Amino acid sequence: MSYVNIDLETLGERLTKVRKSYGESIDLPNLGQEAFAALLGIPVTLYASCERGEQEPTVEFLIALRHRTKISLDWLLDADPAEATRPRE
């Protein structure tokens, strides 16, 4: 899968925002990558690589992220900075 509209570094930054925001929403402000990956049911190596901007997330990853966090995948994957100001439900 290739994201034409967003670079992997930006995607990784947004994944970090999602993880931290989700952690705060469940009263776990220090939610780490390992715990978040476990909540999503994906390998921590996959999650960490995506958050570092080294790898594209799989479709399964994105579906799990959407189901768990209710994050807008449009926001996550849209390169438009005006649209990328905050995660939306």
PDB file of N, CA and C in Angstrom:
ATOM      1  N   MET A   1       0.864  -1.159   0.000  1.00  0.00           N
ATOM      2  CA  MET A   1       0.000   0.000   0.000  1.00  0.00           C
ATOM      3  C   MET A   1       0.909   1.219   0.000  1.00  0.00           C
ATOM      4  N   SER A   2       0.553   2.212  -0.758  1.00  0.00           N
ATOM      5  CA  SER A   2       1.367   3.416  -0.812  1.00  0.00           C
ATOM      6  C   SER A   2       0.490   4.644  -0.605  1.00  0.00           C
ATOM      7  N   TYR A   3       0.933   5.533   0.280  1.00  0.00           N
ATOM      8  CA  TYR A   3       0.198   6.755   0.559  1.00  0.00           C
ATOM      9  C   TYR A   3       0.809   7.871  -0.256  1.00  0.00           C
ATOM     10  N   VAL A   4       0.118   8.296  -1.288  1.00  0.00           N
ATOM     11  CA  VAL A   4       0.630   9.321  -2.169  1.00  0.00           C
ATOM     12  C   VAL A   4       0.545  10.680  -1.497  1.00  0.00           C
ATOM     13  N   ASN A   5      -0.440  10.856  -0.627  1.00  0.00           N
ATOM     14  CA  ASN A   5      -0.719  12.167  -0.066  1.00  0.00           C
ATOM     15  C   ASN A   5       0.038  12.493   1.210  1.00  0.00           C
ATOM     16  N   ILE A   6       0.730  11.565   1.798  1.00  0.00           N
ATOM     17  CA  ILE A   6       1.381  11.846   3.077  1.00  0.00           C
ATOM     18  C   ILE A   6       2.714  11.106   3.160  1.00  0.00           C
ATOM     19  N   ASP A   7       3.706  11.778   3.727  1.00  0.00           N
ATOM     20  CA  ASP A   7       4.988  11.110   3.893  1.00  0.00           C
ATOM     21  C   ASP A   7       4.979  10.308   5.188  1.00  0.00           C
ATOM     22  N   LEU A   8       5.833   9.323   5.271  1.00  0.00           N
ATOM     23  CA  LEU A   8       5.843   8.417   6.419  1.00  0.00           C
ATOM     24  C   LEU A   8       6.221   9.121   7.721  1.00  0.00           C
ATOM     25  N   GLU A   9       7.060  10.133   7.646  1.00  0.00           N
ATOM     26  CA  GLU A   9       7.433  10.870   8.862  1.00  0.00           C
ATOM     27  C   GLU A   9       6.214  11.561   9.467  1.00  0.00           C
ATOM     28  N   THR A  10       5.432  12.216   8.628  1.00  0.00           N
ATOM     29  CA  THR A  10       4.214  12.893   9.095  1.00  0.00           C
ATOM     30  C   THR A  10       3.224  11.868   9.635  1.00  0.00           C
ATOM     31  N   LEU A  11       3.079  10.766   8.942  1.00  0.00           N
ATOM     32  CA  LEU A  11       2.190   9.706   9.406  1.00  0.00           C
ATOM     33  C   LEU A  11       2.629   9.218  10.781  1.00  0.00           C
ATOM     34  N   GLY A  12       3.920   9.029  10.968  1.00  0.00           N
ATOM     35  CA  GLY A  12       4.445   8.600  12.264  1.00  0.00           C
ATOM     36  C   GLY A  12       4.149   9.606  13.366  1.00  0.00           C
ATOM     37  N   GLU A  13       4.285  10.884  13.054  1.00  0.00           N
ATOM     38  CA  GLU A  13       3.985  11.933  14.036  1.00  0.00           C
ATOM     39  C   GLU A  13       2.509  11.889  14.433  1.00  0.00           C
ATOM     40  N   ARG A  14       1.663  11.645  13.462  1.00  0.00           N
ATOM     41  CA  ARG A  14       0.230  11.569  13.754  1.00  0.00           C
ATOM     42  C   ARG A  14      -0.109  10.328  14.563  1.00  0.00           C
ATOM     43  N   LEU A  15       0.565   9.227  14.276  1.00  0.00           N
ATOM     44  CA  LEU A  15       0.341   8.020  15.081  1.00  0.00           C
ATOM     45  C   LEU A  15       0.736   8.263  16.534  1.00  0.00           C
ATOM     46  N   THR A  16       1.815   8.994  16.748  1.00  0.00           N
ATOM     47  CA  THR A  16       2.226   9.339  18.108  1.00  0.00           C
ATOM     48  C   THR A  16       1.133  10.155  18.795  1.00  0.00           C
ATOM     49  N   LYS A  17       0.573  11.137  18.075  1.00  0.00           N
ATOM     50  CA  LYS A  17      -0.515  11.950  18.635  1.00  0.00           C
ATOM     51  C   LYS A  17      -1.715  11.084  18.989  1.00  0.00           C
ATOM     52  N   VAL A  18      -2.049  10.158  18.106  1.00  0.00           N
ATOM     53  CA  VAL A  18      -3.192   9.281  18.354  1.00  0.00           C
ATOM     54  C   VAL A  18      -2.951   8.445  19.605  1.00  0.00           C
ATOM     55  N   ARG A  19      -1.763   7.840  19.709  1.00  0.00           N
ATOM     56  CA  ARG A  19      -1.445   6.998  20.873  1.00  0.00           C
ATOM     57  C   ARG A  19      -1.538   7.798  22.167  1.00  0.00           C
ATOM     58  N   LYS A  20      -0.940   8.978  22.173  1.00  0.00           N
ATOM     59  CA  LYS A  20      -0.947   9.791  23.391  1.00  0.00           C
ATOM     60  C   LYS A  20      -2.357  10.282  23.729  1.00  0.00           C
ATOM     61  N   SER A  21      -3.088  10.709  22.727  1.00  0.00           N
ATOM     62  CA  SER A  21      -4.457  11.174  22.940  1.00  0.00           C
ATOM     63  C   SER A  21      -5.343  10.041  23.441  1.00  0.00           C
ATOM     64  N   TYR A  22      -5.197   8.877  22.851  1.00  0.00           N
ATOM     65  CA  TYR A  22      -5.990   7.727  23.281  1.00  0.00           C
ATOM     66  C   TYR A  22      -5.615   7.349  24.717  1.00  0.00           C
ATOM     67  N   GLY A  23      -4.338   7.365  25.025  1.00  0.00           N
ATOM     68  CA  GLY A  23      -3.896   7.058  26.389  1.00  0.00           C
ATOM     69  C   GLY A  23      -4.510   7.997  27.403  1.00  0.00           C
ATOM     70  N   GLU A  24      -4.546   9.272  27.085  1.00  0.00           N
ATOM     71  CA  GLU A  24      -5.166  10.238  27.991  1.00  0.00           C
ATOM     72  C   GLU A  24      -6.664   9.979  28.133  1.00  0.00           C
ATOM     73  N   SER A  25      -7.310   9.578  27.048  1.00  0.00           N
ATOM     74  CA  SER A  25      -8.758   9.349  27.081  1.00  0.00           C
ATOM     75  C   SER A  25      -9.143   8.147  27.940  1.00  0.00           C
ATOM     76  N   ILE A  26      -8.202   7.217  28.143  1.00  0.00           N
ATOM     77  CA  ILE A  26      -8.480   6.046  28.988  1.00  0.00           C
ATOM     78  C   ILE A  26      -7.710   6.132  30.309  1.00  0.00           C
ATOM     79  N   ASP A  27      -7.293   7.348  30.647  1.00  0.00           N
ATOM     80  CA  ASP A  27      -6.589   7.626  31.899  1.00  0.00           C
ATOM     81  C   ASP A  27      -5.251   6.888  32.014  1.00  0.00           C
ATOM     82  N   LEU A  28      -4.574   6.756  30.872  1.00  0.00           N
ATOM     83  CA  LEU A  28      -3.217   6.205  30.827  1.00  0.00           C
ATOM     84  C   LEU A  28      -2.340   7.168  30.023  1.00  0.00           C
ATOM     85  N   PRO A  29      -2.014   8.333  30.623  1.00  0.00           N
ATOM     86  CA  PRO A  29      -1.295   9.361  29.866  1.00  0.00           C
ATOM     87  C   PRO A  29       0.092   8.934  29.388  1.00  0.00           C
ATOM     88  N   ASN A  30       0.643   7.887  29.966  1.00  0.00           N
ATOM     89  CA  ASN A  30       1.967   7.416  29.558  1.00  0.00           C
ATOM     90  C   ASN A  30       1.876   6.112  28.772  1.00  0.00           C
ATOM     91  N   LEU A  31       0.791   5.933  28.027  1.00  0.00           N
ATOM     92  CA  LEU A  31       0.599   4.719  27.239  1.00  0.00           C
ATOM     93  C   LEU A  31       1.746   4.556  26.247  1.00  0.00           C
ATOM     94  N   GLY A  32       2.480   3.476  26.385  1.00  0.00           N
ATOM     95  CA  GLY A  32       3.638   3.236  25.528  1.00  0.00           C
ATOM     96  C   GLY A  32       3.284   2.485  24.255  1.00  0.00           C
ATOM     97  N   GLN A  33       4.263   2.383  23.393  1.00  0.00           N
ATOM     98  CA  GLN A  33       4.068   1.705  22.117  1.00  0.00           C
ATOM     99  C   GLN A  33       3.687   0.238  22.305  1.00  0.00           C
ATOM    100  N   GLU A  34       4.339  -0.447  23.228  1.00  0.00           N
ATOM    101  CA  GLU A  34       4.057  -1.876  23.435  1.00  0.00           C
ATOM    102  C   GLU A  34       2.621  -2.104  23.867  1.00  0.00           C
ATOM    103  N   ALA A  35       2.172  -1.332  24.842  1.00  0.00           N
ATOM    104  CA  ALA A  35       0.805  -1.495  25.338  1.00  0.00           C
ATOM    105  C   ALA A  35      -0.210  -1.109  24.267  1.00  0.00           C
ATOM    106  N   PHE A  36       0.076  -0.054  23.524  1.00  0.00           N
ATOM    107  CA  PHE A  36      -0.849   0.381  22.485  1.00  0.00           C
ATOM    108  C   PHE A  36      -0.938  -0.666  21.377  1.00  0.00           C
ATOM    109  N   ALA A  37       0.202  -1.197  20.977  1.00  0.00           N
ATOM    110  CA  ALA A  37       0.206  -2.244  19.953  1.00  0.00           C
ATOM    111  C   ALA A  37      -0.593  -3.456  20.431  1.00  0.00           C
ATOM    112  N   ALA A  38      -0.435  -3.807  21.698  1.00  0.00           N
ATOM    113  CA  ALA A  38      -1.190  -4.939  22.256  1.00  0.00           C
ATOM    114  C   ALA A  38      -2.692  -4.652  22.218  1.00  0.00           C
ATOM    115  N   LEU A  39      -3.089  -3.430  22.556  1.00  0.00           N
ATOM    116  CA  LEU A  39      -4.500  -3.053  22.489  1.00  0.00           C
ATOM    117  C   LEU A  39      -5.047  -3.149  21.063  1.00  0.00           C
ATOM    118  N   LEU A  40      -4.197  -2.847  20.099  1.00  0.00           N
ATOM    119  CA  LEU A  40      -4.605  -2.913  18.699  1.00  0.00           C
ATOM    120  C   LEU A  40      -4.538  -4.332  18.143  1.00  0.00           C
ATOM    121  N   GLY A  41      -3.822  -5.205  18.845  1.00  0.00           N
ATOM    122  CA  GLY A  41      -3.668  -6.577  18.371  1.00  0.00           C
ATOM    123  C   GLY A  41      -2.689  -6.706  17.216  1.00  0.00           C
ATOM    124  N   ILE A  42      -1.686  -5.834  17.216  1.00  0.00           N
ATOM    125  CA  ILE A  42      -0.667  -5.878  16.163  1.00  0.00           C
ATOM    126  C   ILE A  42       0.704  -6.029  16.811  1.00  0.00           C
ATOM    127  N   PRO A  43       1.687  -6.512  16.064  1.00  0.00           N
ATOM    128  CA  PRO A  43       3.041  -6.638  16.618  1.00  0.00           C
ATOM    129  C   PRO A  43       3.624  -5.271  16.980  1.00  0.00           C
ATOM    130  N   VAL A  44       4.294  -5.212  18.114  1.00  0.00           N
ATOM    131  CA  VAL A  44       4.899  -3.950  18.539  1.00  0.00           C
ATOM    132  C   VAL A  44       5.950  -3.495  17.535  1.00  0.00           C
ATOM    133  N   THR A  45       6.620  -4.433  16.884  1.00  0.00           N
ATOM    134  CA  THR A  45       7.629  -4.053  15.892  1.00  0.00           C
ATOM    135  C   THR A  45       6.989  -3.305  14.727  1.00  0.00           C
ATOM    136  N   LEU A  46       5.797  -3.738  14.314  1.00  0.00           N
ATOM    137  CA  LEU A  46       5.079  -3.047  13.245  1.00  0.00           C
ATOM    138  C   LEU A  46       4.661  -1.658  13.708  1.00  0.00           C
ATOM    139  N   TYR A  47       4.058  -1.584  14.889  1.00  0.00           N
ATOM    140  CA  TYR A  47       3.609  -0.281  15.377  1.00  0.00           C
ATOM    141  C   TYR A  47       4.783   0.683  15.517  1.00  0.00           C
ATOM    142  N   ALA A  48       5.853   0.233  16.154  1.00  0.00           N
ATOM    143  CA  ALA A  48       7.009   1.104  16.392  1.00  0.00           C
ATOM    144  C   ALA A  48       7.628   1.577  15.078  1.00  0.00           C
ATOM    145  N   SER A  49       7.719   0.697  14.095  1.00  0.00           N
ATOM    146  CA  SER A  49       8.272   1.076  12.791  1.00  0.00           C
ATOM    147  C   SER A  49       7.411   2.133  12.108  1.00  0.00           C
ATOM    148  N   CYS A  50       6.108   1.991  12.234  1.00  0.00           N
ATOM    149  CA  CYS A  50       5.197   2.974  11.628  1.00  0.00           C
ATOM    150  C   CYS A  50       5.295   4.309  12.348  1.00  0.00           C
ATOM    151  N   GLU A  51       5.365   4.270  13.668  1.00  0.00           N
ATOM    152  CA  GLU A  51       5.440   5.522  14.428  1.00  0.00           C
ATOM    153  C   GLU A  51       6.762   6.239  14.175  1.00  0.00           C
ATOM    154  N   ARG A  52       7.821   5.497  13.901  1.00  0.00           N
ATOM    155  CA  ARG A  52       9.119   6.111  13.579  1.00  0.00           C
ATOM    156  C   ARG A  52       9.179   6.590  12.127  1.00  0.00           C
ATOM    157  N   GLY A  53       8.153   6.288  11.338  1.00  0.00           N
ATOM    158  CA  GLY A  53       8.137   6.706   9.943  1.00  0.00           C
ATOM    159  C   GLY A  53       8.978   5.837   9.042  1.00  0.00           C
ATOM    160  N   GLU A  54       9.220   4.602   9.446  1.00  0.00           N
ATOM    161  CA  GLU A  54      10.053   3.689   8.674  1.00  0.00           C
ATOM    162  C   GLU A  54       9.253   2.713   7.821  1.00  0.00           C
ATOM    163  N   GLN A  55       7.987   2.551   8.127  1.00  0.00           N
ATOM    164  CA  GLN A  55       7.178   1.542   7.456  1.00  0.00           C
ATOM    165  C   GLN A  55       5.739   2.038   7.323  1.00  0.00           C
ATOM    166  N   GLU A  56       5.081   1.626   6.261  1.00  0.00           N
ATOM    167  CA  GLU A  56       3.673   1.951   6.074  1.00  0.00           C
ATOM    168  C   GLU A  56       2.822   0.971   6.890  1.00  0.00           C
ATOM    169  N   PRO A  57       1.760   1.446   7.488  1.00  0.00           N
ATOM    170  CA  PRO A  57       0.871   0.541   8.212  1.00  0.00           C
ATOM    171  C   PRO A  57       0.118  -0.366   7.242  1.00  0.00           C
ATOM    172  N   THR A  58      -0.206  -1.540   7.698  1.00  0.00           N
ATOM    173  CA  THR A  58      -1.006  -2.458   6.897  1.00  0.00           C
ATOM    174  C   THR A  58      -2.473  -2.052   6.985  1.00  0.00           C
ATOM    175  N   VAL A  59      -3.267  -2.595   6.104  1.00  0.00           N
ATOM    176  CA  VAL A  59      -4.704  -2.338   6.157  1.00  0.00           C
ATOM    177  C   VAL A  59      -5.258  -2.834   7.486  1.00  0.00           C
ATOM    178  N   GLU A  60      -4.804  -3.988   7.937  1.00  0.00           N
ATOM    179  CA  GLU A  60      -5.261  -4.547   9.211  1.00  0.00           C
ATOM    180  C   GLU A  60      -4.929  -3.607  10.369  1.00  0.00           C
ATOM    181  N   PHE A  61      -3.737  -3.027  10.333  1.00  0.00           N
ATOM    182  CA  PHE A  61      -3.316  -2.051  11.341  1.00  0.00           C
ATOM    183  C   PHE A  61      -4.292  -0.885  11.354  1.00  0.00           C
ATOM    184  N   LEU A  62      -4.574  -0.309  10.181  1.00  0.00           N
ATOM    185  CA  LEU A  62      -5.454   0.853  10.092  1.00  0.00           C
ATOM    186  C   LEU A  62      -6.873   0.532  10.566  1.00  0.00           C
ATOM    187  N   ILE A  63      -7.351  -0.649  10.228  1.00  0.00           N
ATOM    188  CA  ILE A  63      -8.688  -1.048  10.675  1.00  0.00           C
ATOM    189  C   ILE A  63      -8.713  -1.183  12.191  1.00  0.00           C
ATOM    190  N   ALA A  64      -7.703  -1.824  12.760  1.00  0.00           N
ATOM    191  CA  ALA A  64      -7.632  -1.970  14.222  1.00  0.00           C
ATOM    192  C   ALA A  64      -7.541  -0.609  14.895  1.00  0.00           C
ATOM    193  N   LEU A  65      -6.751   0.292  14.333  1.00  0.00           N
ATOM    194  CA  LEU A  65      -6.606   1.644  14.885  1.00  0.00           C
ATOM    195  C   LEU A  65      -7.943   2.370  14.871  1.00  0.00           C
ATOM    196  N   ARG A  66      -8.639   2.274  13.766  1.00  0.00           N
ATOM    197  CA  ARG A  66      -9.950   2.938  13.636  1.00  0.00           C
ATOM    198  C   ARG A  66     -10.957   2.363  14.618  1.00  0.00           C
ATOM    199  N   HIS A  67     -10.998   1.060  14.728  1.00  0.00           N
ATOM    200  CA  HIS A  67     -11.963   0.424  15.631  1.00  0.00           C
ATOM    201  C   HIS A  67     -11.675   0.768  17.096  1.00  0.00           C
ATOM    202  N   ARG A  68     -10.422   0.771  17.478  1.00  0.00           N
ATOM    203  CA  ARG A  68     -10.062   1.002  18.878  1.00  0.00           C
ATOM    204  C   ARG A  68     -10.206   2.472  19.256  1.00  0.00           C
ATOM    205  N   THR A  69      -9.737   3.377  18.389  1.00  0.00           N
ATOM    206  CA  THR A  69      -9.647   4.792  18.763  1.00  0.00           C
ATOM    207  C   THR A  69     -10.728   5.670  18.155  1.00  0.00           C
ATOM    208  N   LYS A  70     -11.418   5.175  17.150  1.00  0.00           N
ATOM    209  CA  LYS A  70     -12.439   5.949  16.414  1.00  0.00           C
ATOM    210  C   LYS A  70     -11.816   7.133  15.661  1.00  0.00           C
ATOM    211  N   ILE A  71     -10.508   7.074  15.449  1.00  0.00           N
ATOM    212  CA  ILE A  71      -9.798   8.139  14.745  1.00  0.00           C
ATOM    213  C   ILE A  71     -10.236   8.194  13.281  1.00  0.00           C
ATOM    214  N   SER A  72     -10.267   9.376  12.729  1.00  0.00           N
ATOM    215  CA  SER A  72     -10.583   9.542  11.314  1.00  0.00           C
ATOM    216  C   SER A  72      -9.365   9.136  10.480  1.00  0.00           C
ATOM    217  N   LEU A  73      -9.532   8.134   9.656  1.00  0.00           N
ATOM    218  CA  LEU A  73      -8.429   7.745   8.784  1.00  0.00           C
ATOM    219  C   LEU A  73      -8.168   8.814   7.741  1.00  0.00           C
ATOM    220  N   ASP A  74      -9.187   9.605   7.412  1.00  0.00           N
ATOM    221  CA  ASP A  74      -8.970  10.743   6.518  1.00  0.00           C
ATOM    222  C   ASP A  74      -7.953  11.689   7.145  1.00  0.00           C
ATOM    223  N   TRP A  75      -8.148  11.999   8.430  1.00  0.00           N
ATOM    224  CA  TRP A  75      -7.206  12.896   9.116  1.00  0.00           C
ATOM    225  C   TRP A  75      -5.815  12.260   9.157  1.00  0.00           C
ATOM    226  N   LEU A  76      -5.761  10.992   9.476  1.00  0.00           N
ATOM    227  CA  LEU A  76      -4.481  10.310   9.624  1.00  0.00           C
ATOM    228  C   LEU A  76      -3.685  10.315   8.322  1.00  0.00           C
ATOM    229  N   LEU A  77      -4.359  10.122   7.205  1.00  0.00           N
ATOM    230  CA  LEU A  77      -3.672   9.921   5.936  1.00  0.00           C
ATOM    231  C   LEU A  77      -3.675  11.137   5.010  1.00  0.00           C
ATOM    232  N   ASP A  78      -4.320  12.222   5.409  1.00  0.00           N
ATOM    233  CA  ASP A  78      -4.427  13.402   4.559  1.00  0.00           C
ATOM    234  C   ASP A  78      -3.210  14.300   4.736  1.00  0.00           C
ATOM    235  N   ALA A  79      -2.580  14.651   3.643  1.00  0.00           N
ATOM    236  CA  ALA A  79      -1.385  15.504   3.705  1.00  0.00           C
ATOM    237  C   ALA A  79      -1.704  16.975   3.880  1.00  0.00           C
ATOM    238  N   ASP A  80      -2.961  17.365   3.760  1.00  0.00           N
ATOM    239  CA  ASP A  80      -3.350  18.767   3.871  1.00  0.00           C
ATOM    240  C   ASP A  80      -3.161  19.246   5.308  1.00  0.00           C
ATOM    241  N   PRO A  81      -2.229  20.175   5.552  1.00  0.00           N
ATOM    242  CA  PRO A  81      -1.966  20.625   6.917  1.00  0.00           C
ATOM    243  C   PRO A  81      -3.191  21.230   7.609  1.00  0.00           C
ATOM    244  N   ALA A  82      -4.077  21.834   6.855  1.00  0.00           N
ATOM    245  CA  ALA A  82      -5.290  22.408   7.466  1.00  0.00           C
ATOM    246  C   ALA A  82      -6.168  21.312   8.032  1.00  0.00           C
ATOM    247  N   GLU A  83      -6.146  20.152   7.432  1.00  0.00           N
ATOM    248  CA  GLU A  83      -6.938  19.022   7.890  1.00  0.00           C
ATOM    249  C   GLU A  83      -6.223  18.246   8.996  1.00  0.00           C
ATOM    250  N   ALA A  84      -4.946  18.482   9.170  1.00  0.00           N
ATOM    251  CA  ALA A  84      -4.161  17.681  10.091  1.00  0.00           C
ATOM    252  C   ALA A  84      -3.932  18.341  11.442  1.00  0.00           C
ATOM    253  N   THR A  85      -4.771  19.267  11.809  1.00  0.00           N
ATOM    254  CA  THR A  85      -4.551  19.994  13.052  1.00  0.00           C
ATOM    255  C   THR A  85      -4.839  19.157  14.290  1.00  0.00           C
ATOM    256  N   ARG A  86      -5.781  18.238  14.209  1.00  0.00           N
ATOM    257  CA  ARG A  86      -6.098  17.428  15.384  1.00  0.00           C
ATOM    258  C   ARG A  86      -6.819  16.163  14.943  1.00  0.00           C
ATOM    259  N   PRO A  87      -6.722  15.126  15.755  1.00  0.00           N
ATOM    260  CA  PRO A  87      -7.491  13.912  15.451  1.00  0.00           C
ATOM    261  C   PRO A  87      -8.978  14.188  15.582  1.00  0.00           C
ATOM    262  N   ARG A  88      -9.778  13.601  14.719  1.00  0.00           N
ATOM    263  CA  ARG A  88     -11.217  13.756  14.769  1.00  0.00           C
ATOM    264  C   ARG A  88     -11.869  12.408  14.940  1.00  0.00           C
ATOM    265  N   GLU A  89     -13.014  12.407  15.590  1.00  0.00           N
ATOM    266  CA  GLU A  89     -13.778  11.179  15.738  1.00  0.00           C
ATOM    267  C   GLU A  89     -14.820  11.115  14.673  1.00  0.00           C
TER     268      GLU A  89
END
